[in-house]
Amino acid sequence: MPEPSLELPIQMVQKMMDTQREIREDVRETKTRLGRLESDVAGLHTFLAEQSVHFSRFSDRLERVARRLELRSD
């Protein structure tokens, strides 16, 4: 009768550990990329808010010019 060997179970456990390591690396990369995306989206929100302020100021200036040129009466 052949002597029982632990080689196969050890190989299986090693393969599972390698797979788990790869998954951890993928999750770490995904978290990093998600953090960058969140930061970029926050930056876009800030940019849009600033543009809204600039547009409002431009609109006010345009109304003043129109009133001065008597193109619009209030």
PDB file of N, CA and C in Angstrom:
ATOM      1  N   MET A   1       0.851  -1.171   0.000  1.00  0.00           N
ATOM      2  CA  MET A   1       0.000   0.000   0.000  1.00  0.00           C
ATOM      3  C   MET A   1       0.899   1.238   0.000  1.00  0.00           C
ATOM      4  N   PRO A   2       0.585   2.211  -0.872  1.00  0.00           N
ATOM      5  CA  PRO A   2       1.432   3.397  -0.924  1.00  0.00           C
ATOM      6  C   PRO A   2       1.269   4.254   0.333  1.00  0.00           C
ATOM      7  N   GLU A   3       2.341   4.906   0.648  1.00  0.00           N
ATOM      8  CA  GLU A   3       2.339   5.765   1.829  1.00  0.00           C
ATOM      9  C   GLU A   3       1.583   7.064   1.504  1.00  0.00           C
ATOM     10  N   PRO A   4       0.696   7.501   2.394  1.00  0.00           N
ATOM     11  CA  PRO A   4      -0.058   8.737   2.130  1.00  0.00           C
ATOM     12  C   PRO A   4       0.901   9.932   2.037  1.00  0.00           C
ATOM     13  N   SER A   5       0.569  10.809   1.091  1.00  0.00           N
ATOM     14  CA  SER A   5       1.416  11.984   0.871  1.00  0.00           C
ATOM     15  C   SER A   5       0.612  13.260   1.097  1.00  0.00           C
ATOM     16  N   LEU A   6       1.259  14.245   1.645  1.00  0.00           N
ATOM     17  CA  LEU A   6       0.623  15.543   1.869  1.00  0.00           C
ATOM     18  C   LEU A   6       0.911  16.513   0.731  1.00  0.00           C
ATOM     19  N   GLU A   7       1.601  16.047  -0.286  1.00  0.00           N
ATOM     20  CA  GLU A   7       2.009  16.924  -1.374  1.00  0.00           C
ATOM     21  C   GLU A   7       0.811  17.540  -2.108  1.00  0.00           C
ATOM     22  N   LEU A   8      -0.181  16.739  -2.453  1.00  0.00           N
ATOM     23  CA  LEU A   8      -1.348  17.245  -3.177  1.00  0.00           C
ATOM     24  C   LEU A   8      -2.128  18.271  -2.353  1.00  0.00           C
ATOM     25  N   PRO A   9      -2.478  17.986  -1.090  1.00  0.00           N
ATOM     26  CA  PRO A   9      -3.183  19.014  -0.300  1.00  0.00           C
ATOM     27  C   PRO A   9      -2.350  20.298  -0.132  1.00  0.00           C
ATOM     28  N   ILE A  10      -1.045  20.155   0.017  1.00  0.00           N
ATOM     29  CA  ILE A  10      -0.191  21.342   0.161  1.00  0.00           C
ATOM     30  C   ILE A  10      -0.213  22.166  -1.124  1.00  0.00           C
ATOM     31  N   GLN A  11      -0.179  21.503  -2.278  1.00  0.00           N
ATOM     32  CA  GLN A  11      -0.242  22.213  -3.557  1.00  0.00           C
ATOM     33  C   GLN A  11      -1.582  22.936  -3.713  1.00  0.00           C
ATOM     34  N   MET A  12      -2.645  22.274  -3.298  1.00  0.00           N
ATOM     35  CA  MET A  12      -3.981  22.883  -3.398  1.00  0.00           C
ATOM     36  C   MET A  12      -4.089  24.115  -2.500  1.00  0.00           C
ATOM     37  N   VAL A  13      -3.578  24.001  -1.290  1.00  0.00           N
ATOM     38  CA  VAL A  13      -3.605  25.142  -0.370  1.00  0.00           C
ATOM     39  C   VAL A  13      -2.751  26.279  -0.916  1.00  0.00           C
ATOM     40  N   GLN A  14      -1.594  25.958  -1.481  1.00  0.00           N
ATOM     41  CA  GLN A  14      -0.716  26.984  -2.050  1.00  0.00           C
ATOM     42  C   GLN A  14      -1.416  27.697  -3.211  1.00  0.00           C
ATOM     43  N   LYS A  15      -2.112  26.949  -4.057  1.00  0.00           N
ATOM     44  CA  LYS A  15      -2.838  27.549  -5.175  1.00  0.00           C
ATOM     45  C   LYS A  15      -3.939  28.468  -4.668  1.00  0.00           C
ATOM     46  N   MET A  16      -4.662  28.036  -3.629  1.00  0.00           N
ATOM     47  CA  MET A  16      -5.708  28.890  -3.048  1.00  0.00           C
ATOM     48  C   MET A  16      -5.105  30.166  -2.463  1.00  0.00           C
ATOM     49  N   MET A  17      -3.966  30.040  -1.817  1.00  0.00           N
ATOM     50  CA  MET A  17      -3.311  31.223  -1.243  1.00  0.00           C
ATOM     51  C   MET A  17      -2.845  32.176  -2.343  1.00  0.00           C
ATOM     52  N   ASP A  18      -2.329  31.636  -3.448  1.00  0.00           N
ATOM     53  CA  ASP A  18      -1.912  32.470  -4.572  1.00  0.00           C
ATOM     54  C   ASP A  18      -3.109  33.208  -5.171  1.00  0.00           C
ATOM     55  N   THR A  19      -4.210  32.483  -5.315  1.00  0.00           N
ATOM     56  CA  THR A  19      -5.435  33.091  -5.845  1.00  0.00           C
ATOM     57  C   THR A  19      -5.926  34.195  -4.913  1.00  0.00           C
ATOM     58  N   GLN A  20      -5.898  33.936  -3.620  1.00  0.00           N
ATOM     59  CA  GLN A  20      -6.333  34.936  -2.644  1.00  0.00           C
ATOM     60  C   GLN A  20      -5.434  36.170  -2.704  1.00  0.00           C
ATOM     61  N   ARG A  21      -4.143  35.969  -2.887  1.00  0.00           N
ATOM     62  CA  ARG A  21      -3.200  37.082  -2.998  1.00  0.00           C
ATOM     63  C   ARG A  21      -3.532  37.940  -4.235  1.00  0.00           C
ATOM     64  N   GLU A  22      -3.840  37.276  -5.347  1.00  0.00           N
ATOM     65  CA  GLU A  22      -4.206  38.003  -6.567  1.00  0.00           C
ATOM     66  C   GLU A  22      -5.488  38.802  -6.365  1.00  0.00           C
ATOM     67  N   ILE A  23      -6.446  38.206  -5.680  1.00  0.00           N
ATOM     68  CA  ILE A  23      -7.705  38.901  -5.407  1.00  0.00           C
ATOM     69  C   ILE A  23      -7.451  40.121  -4.531  1.00  0.00           C
ATOM     70  N   ARG A  24      -6.616  39.975  -3.526  1.00  0.00           N
ATOM     71  CA  ARG A  24      -6.288  41.122  -2.654  1.00  0.00           C
ATOM     72  C   ARG A  24      -5.643  42.249  -3.453  1.00  0.00           C
ATOM     73  N   GLU A  25      -4.744  41.904  -4.359  1.00  0.00           N
ATOM     74  CA  GLU A  25      -4.094  42.921  -5.188  1.00  0.00           C
ATOM     75  C   GLU A  25      -5.116  43.612  -6.084  1.00  0.00           C
ATOM     76  N   ASP A  26      -6.032  42.830  -6.668  1.00  0.00           N
ATOM     77  CA  ASP A  26      -7.081  43.414  -7.512  1.00  0.00           C
ATOM     78  C   ASP A  26      -7.982  44.352  -6.714  1.00  0.00           C
ATOM     79  N   VAL A  27      -8.352  43.945  -5.508  1.00  0.00           N
ATOM     80  CA  VAL A  27      -9.215  44.780  -4.661  1.00  0.00           C
ATOM     81  C   VAL A  27      -8.479  46.064  -4.281  1.00  0.00           C
ATOM     82  N   ARG A  28      -7.204  45.942  -3.956  1.00  0.00           N
ATOM     83  CA  ARG A  28      -6.408  47.119  -3.599  1.00  0.00           C
ATOM     84  C   ARG A  28      -6.348  48.096  -4.780  1.00  0.00           C
ATOM     85  N   GLU A  29      -6.119  47.578  -5.984  1.00  0.00           N
ATOM     86  CA  GLU A  29      -6.069  48.431  -7.179  1.00  0.00           C
ATOM     87  C   GLU A  29      -7.438  49.069  -7.445  1.00  0.00           C
ATOM     88  N   THR A  30      -8.493  48.284  -7.266  1.00  0.00           N
ATOM     89  CA  THR A  30      -9.842  48.805  -7.477  1.00  0.00           C
ATOM     90  C   THR A  30     -10.152  49.930  -6.491  1.00  0.00           C
ATOM     91  N   LYS A  31      -9.763  49.759  -5.242  1.00  0.00           N
ATOM     92  CA  LYS A  31      -9.989  50.809  -4.240  1.00  0.00           C
ATOM     93  C   LYS A  31      -9.229  52.084  -4.602  1.00  0.00           C
ATOM     94  N   THR A  32      -7.998  51.921  -5.068  1.00  0.00           N
ATOM     95  CA  THR A  32      -7.197  53.081  -5.459  1.00  0.00           C
ATOM     96  C   THR A  32      -7.856  53.816  -6.621  1.00  0.00           C
ATOM     97  N   ARG A  33      -8.279  53.064  -7.622  1.00  0.00           N
ATOM     98  CA  ARG A  33      -8.910  53.681  -8.786  1.00  0.00           C
ATOM     99  C   ARG A  33     -10.233  54.348  -8.414  1.00  0.00           C
ATOM    100  N   LEU A  34     -11.000  53.718  -7.536  1.00  0.00           N
ATOM    101  CA  LEU A  34     -12.266  54.293  -7.087  1.00  0.00           C
ATOM    102  C   LEU A  34     -12.017  55.594  -6.327  1.00  0.00           C
ATOM    103  N   GLY A  35     -10.993  55.612  -5.503  1.00  0.00           N
ATOM    104  CA  GLY A  35     -10.645  56.839  -4.784  1.00  0.00           C
ATOM    105  C   GLY A  35     -10.302  57.970  -5.738  1.00  0.00           C
ATOM    106  N   ARG A  36      -9.562  57.641  -6.800  1.00  0.00           N
ATOM    107  CA  ARG A  36      -9.238  58.662  -7.804  1.00  0.00           C
ATOM    108  C   ARG A  36     -10.489  59.164  -8.497  1.00  0.00           C
ATOM    109  N   LEU A  37     -11.397  58.248  -8.824  1.00  0.00           N
ATOM    110  CA  LEU A  37     -12.645  58.654  -9.468  1.00  0.00           C
ATOM    111  C   LEU A  37     -13.469  59.565  -8.565  1.00  0.00           C
ATOM    112  N   GLU A  38     -13.545  59.208  -7.297  1.00  0.00           N
ATOM    113  CA  GLU A  38     -14.289  60.045  -6.349  1.00  0.00           C
ATOM    114  C   GLU A  38     -13.675  61.439  -6.273  1.00  0.00           C
ATOM    115  N   SER A  39     -12.368  61.493  -6.261  1.00  0.00           N
ATOM    116  CA  SER A  39     -11.680  62.778  -6.221  1.00  0.00           C
ATOM    117  C   SER A  39     -11.957  63.588  -7.487  1.00  0.00           C
ATOM    118  N   ASP A  40     -11.912  62.918  -8.633  1.00  0.00           N
ATOM    119  CA  ASP A  40     -12.191  63.603  -9.896  1.00  0.00           C
ATOM    120  C   ASP A  40     -13.622  64.125  -9.953  1.00  0.00           C
ATOM    121  N   VAL A  41     -14.567  63.332  -9.482  1.00  0.00           N
ATOM    122  CA  VAL A  41     -15.968  63.763  -9.480  1.00  0.00           C
ATOM    123  C   VAL A  41     -16.143  64.971  -8.556  1.00  0.00           C
ATOM    124  N   ALA A  42     -15.490  64.948  -7.409  1.00  0.00           N
ATOM    125  CA  ALA A  42     -15.565  66.093  -6.496  1.00  0.00           C
ATOM    126  C   ALA A  42     -14.990  67.336  -7.169  1.00  0.00           C
ATOM    127  N   GLY A  43     -13.887  67.161  -7.898  1.00  0.00           N
ATOM    128  CA  GLY A  43     -13.295  68.278  -8.625  1.00  0.00           C
ATOM    129  C   GLY A  43     -14.231  68.822  -9.685  1.00  0.00           C
ATOM    130  N   LEU A  44     -14.946  67.934 -10.374  1.00  0.00           N
ATOM    131  CA  LEU A  44     -15.906  68.378 -11.384  1.00  0.00           C
ATOM    132  C   LEU A  44     -17.055  69.154 -10.747  1.00  0.00           C
ATOM    133  N   HIS A  45     -17.508  68.696  -9.582  1.00  0.00           N
ATOM    134  CA  HIS A  45     -18.578  69.426  -8.888  1.00  0.00           C
ATOM    135  C   HIS A  45     -18.112  70.840  -8.534  1.00  0.00           C
ATOM    136  N   THR A  46     -16.897  70.953  -8.060  1.00  0.00           N
ATOM    137  CA  THR A  46     -16.341  72.261  -7.722  1.00  0.00           C
ATOM    138  C   THR A  46     -16.248  73.132  -8.963  1.00  0.00           C
ATOM    139  N   PHE A  47     -15.749  72.561 -10.056  1.00  0.00           N
ATOM    140  CA  PHE A  47     -15.625  73.307 -11.313  1.00  0.00           C
ATOM    141  C   PHE A  47     -16.991  73.792 -11.790  1.00  0.00           C
ATOM    142  N   LEU A  48     -17.994  72.918 -11.745  1.00  0.00           N
ATOM    143  CA  LEU A  48     -19.333  73.314 -12.194  1.00  0.00           C
ATOM    144  C   LEU A  48     -19.920  74.413 -11.305  1.00  0.00           C
ATOM    145  N   ALA A  49     -19.680  74.330 -10.020  1.00  0.00           N
ATOM    146  CA  ALA A  49     -20.172  75.377  -9.115  1.00  0.00           C
ATOM    147  C   ALA A  49     -19.505  76.710  -9.439  1.00  0.00           C
ATOM    148  N   GLU A  50     -18.202  76.688  -9.710  1.00  0.00           N
ATOM    149  CA  GLU A  50     -17.486  77.916 -10.068  1.00  0.00           C
ATOM    150  C   GLU A  50     -18.008  78.479 -11.383  1.00  0.00           C
ATOM    151  N   GLN A  51     -18.261  77.605 -12.347  1.00  0.00           N
ATOM    152  CA  GLN A  51     -18.780  78.064 -13.642  1.00  0.00           C
ATOM    153  C   GLN A  51     -20.162  78.672 -13.490  1.00  0.00           C
ATOM    154  N   SER A  52     -20.956  78.119 -12.595  1.00  0.00           N
ATOM    155  CA  SER A  52     -22.284  78.668 -12.343  1.00  0.00           C
ATOM    156  C   SER A  52     -22.190  80.092 -11.809  1.00  0.00           C
ATOM    157  N   VAL A  53     -21.238  80.317 -10.908  1.00  0.00           N
ATOM    158  CA  VAL A  53     -21.032  81.667 -10.362  1.00  0.00           C
ATOM    159  C   VAL A  53     -20.587  82.617 -11.473  1.00  0.00           C
ATOM    160  N   HIS A  54     -19.642  82.168 -12.296  1.00  0.00           N
ATOM    161  CA  HIS A  54     -19.165  83.008 -13.392  1.00  0.00           C
ATOM    162  C   HIS A  54     -20.294  83.327 -14.374  1.00  0.00           C
ATOM    163  N   PHE A  55     -21.115  82.348 -14.670  1.00  0.00           N
ATOM    164  CA  PHE A  55     -22.221  82.556 -15.590  1.00  0.00           C
ATOM    165  C   PHE A  55     -23.222  83.556 -15.019  1.00  0.00           C
ATOM    166  N   SER A  56     -23.491  83.442 -13.721  1.00  0.00           N
ATOM    167  CA  SER A  56     -24.417  84.386 -13.087  1.00  0.00           C
ATOM    168  C   SER A  56     -23.873  85.806 -13.165  1.00  0.00           C
ATOM    169  N   ARG A  57     -22.580  85.967 -12.912  1.00  0.00           N
ATOM    170  CA  ARG A  57     -21.971  87.292 -13.007  1.00  0.00           C
ATOM    171  C   ARG A  57     -22.042  87.829 -14.437  1.00  0.00           C
ATOM    172  N   PHE A  58     -21.770  86.968 -15.395  1.00  0.00           N
ATOM    173  CA  PHE A  58     -21.834  87.378 -16.801  1.00  0.00           C
ATOM    174  C   PHE A  58     -23.251  87.791 -17.171  1.00  0.00           C
ATOM    175  N   SER A  59     -24.220  87.034 -16.709  1.00  0.00           N
ATOM    176  CA  SER A  59     -25.621  87.348 -16.973  1.00  0.00           C
ATOM    177  C   SER A  59     -25.989  88.708 -16.385  1.00  0.00           C
ATOM    178  N   ASP A  60     -25.532  88.987 -15.170  1.00  0.00           N
ATOM    179  CA  ASP A  60     -25.792  90.296 -14.542  1.00  0.00           C
ATOM    180  C   ASP A  60     -25.170  91.430 -15.364  1.00  0.00           C
ATOM    181  N   ARG A  61     -23.940  91.221 -15.807  1.00  0.00           N
ATOM    182  CA  ARG A  61     -23.268  92.247 -16.616  1.00  0.00           C
ATOM    183  C   ARG A  61     -24.004  92.473 -17.923  1.00  0.00           C
ATOM    184  N   LEU A  62     -24.452  91.433 -18.555  1.00  0.00           N
ATOM    185  CA  LEU A  62     -25.164  91.549 -19.813  1.00  0.00           C
ATOM    186  C   LEU A  62     -26.472  92.314 -19.624  1.00  0.00           C
ATOM    187  N   GLU A  63     -27.160  92.075 -18.546  1.00  0.00           N
ATOM    188  CA  GLU A  63     -28.393  92.812 -18.255  1.00  0.00           C
ATOM    189  C   GLU A  63     -28.112  94.298 -18.063  1.00  0.00           C
ATOM    190  N   ARG A  64     -27.003  94.622 -17.360  1.00  0.00           N
ATOM    191  CA  ARG A  64     -26.651  96.031 -17.168  1.00  0.00           C
ATOM    192  C   ARG A  64     -26.332  96.701 -18.495  1.00  0.00           C
ATOM    193  N   VAL A  65     -25.619  96.013 -19.363  1.00  0.00           N
ATOM    194  CA  VAL A  65     -25.289  96.566 -20.677  1.00  0.00           C
ATOM    195  C   VAL A  65     -26.570  96.788 -21.474  1.00  0.00           C
ATOM    196  N   ALA A  66     -27.472  95.841 -21.445  1.00  0.00           N
ATOM    197  CA  ALA A  66     -28.734  95.973 -22.181  1.00  0.00           C
ATOM    198  C   ALA A  66     -29.540  97.154 -21.661  1.00  0.00           C
ATOM    199  N   ARG A  67     -29.553  97.346 -20.344  1.00  0.00           N
ATOM    200  CA  ARG A  67     -30.277  98.491 -19.785  1.00  0.00           C
ATOM    201  C   ARG A  67     -29.631  99.809 -20.222  1.00  0.00           C
ATOM    202  N   ARG A  68     -28.317  99.847 -20.225  1.00  0.00           N
ATOM    203  CA  ARG A  68     -27.614 101.070 -20.631  1.00  0.00           C
ATOM    204  C   ARG A  68     -27.875 101.406 -22.090  1.00  0.00           C
ATOM    205  N   LEU A  69     -27.984 100.395 -22.900  1.00  0.00           N
ATOM    206  CA  LEU A  69     -28.241 100.622 -24.314  1.00  0.00           C
ATOM    207  C   LEU A  69     -29.729 100.742 -24.616  1.00  0.00           C
ATOM    208  N   GLU A  70     -30.497 100.702 -23.559  1.00  0.00           N
ATOM    209  CA  GLU A  70     -31.954 100.814 -23.641  1.00  0.00           C
ATOM    210  C   GLU A  70     -32.553  99.726 -24.528  1.00  0.00           C
ATOM    211  N   LEU A  71     -31.929  98.564 -24.494  1.00  0.00           N
ATOM    212  CA  LEU A  71     -32.476  97.427 -25.230  1.00  0.00           C
ATOM    213  C   LEU A  71     -33.540  96.696 -24.418  1.00  0.00           C
ATOM    214  N   ARG A  72     -33.472  96.961 -23.143  1.00  0.00           N
ATOM    215  CA  ARG A  72     -34.430  96.313 -22.254  1.00  0.00           C
ATOM    216  C   ARG A  72     -34.856  97.325 -21.205  1.00  0.00           C
ATOM    217  N   SER A  73     -36.119  97.402 -20.909  1.00  0.00           N
ATOM    218  CA  SER A  73     -36.562  98.344 -19.876  1.00  0.00           C
ATOM    219  C   SER A  73     -37.122  97.568 -18.698  1.00  0.00           C
ATOM    220  N   ASP A  74     -36.913  98.116 -17.501  1.00  0.00           N
ATOM    221  CA  ASP A  74     -37.416  97.498 -16.263  1.00  0.00           C
ATOM    222  C   ASP A  74     -38.485  98.354 -15.651  1.00  0.00           C
TER     223      ASP A  74
END
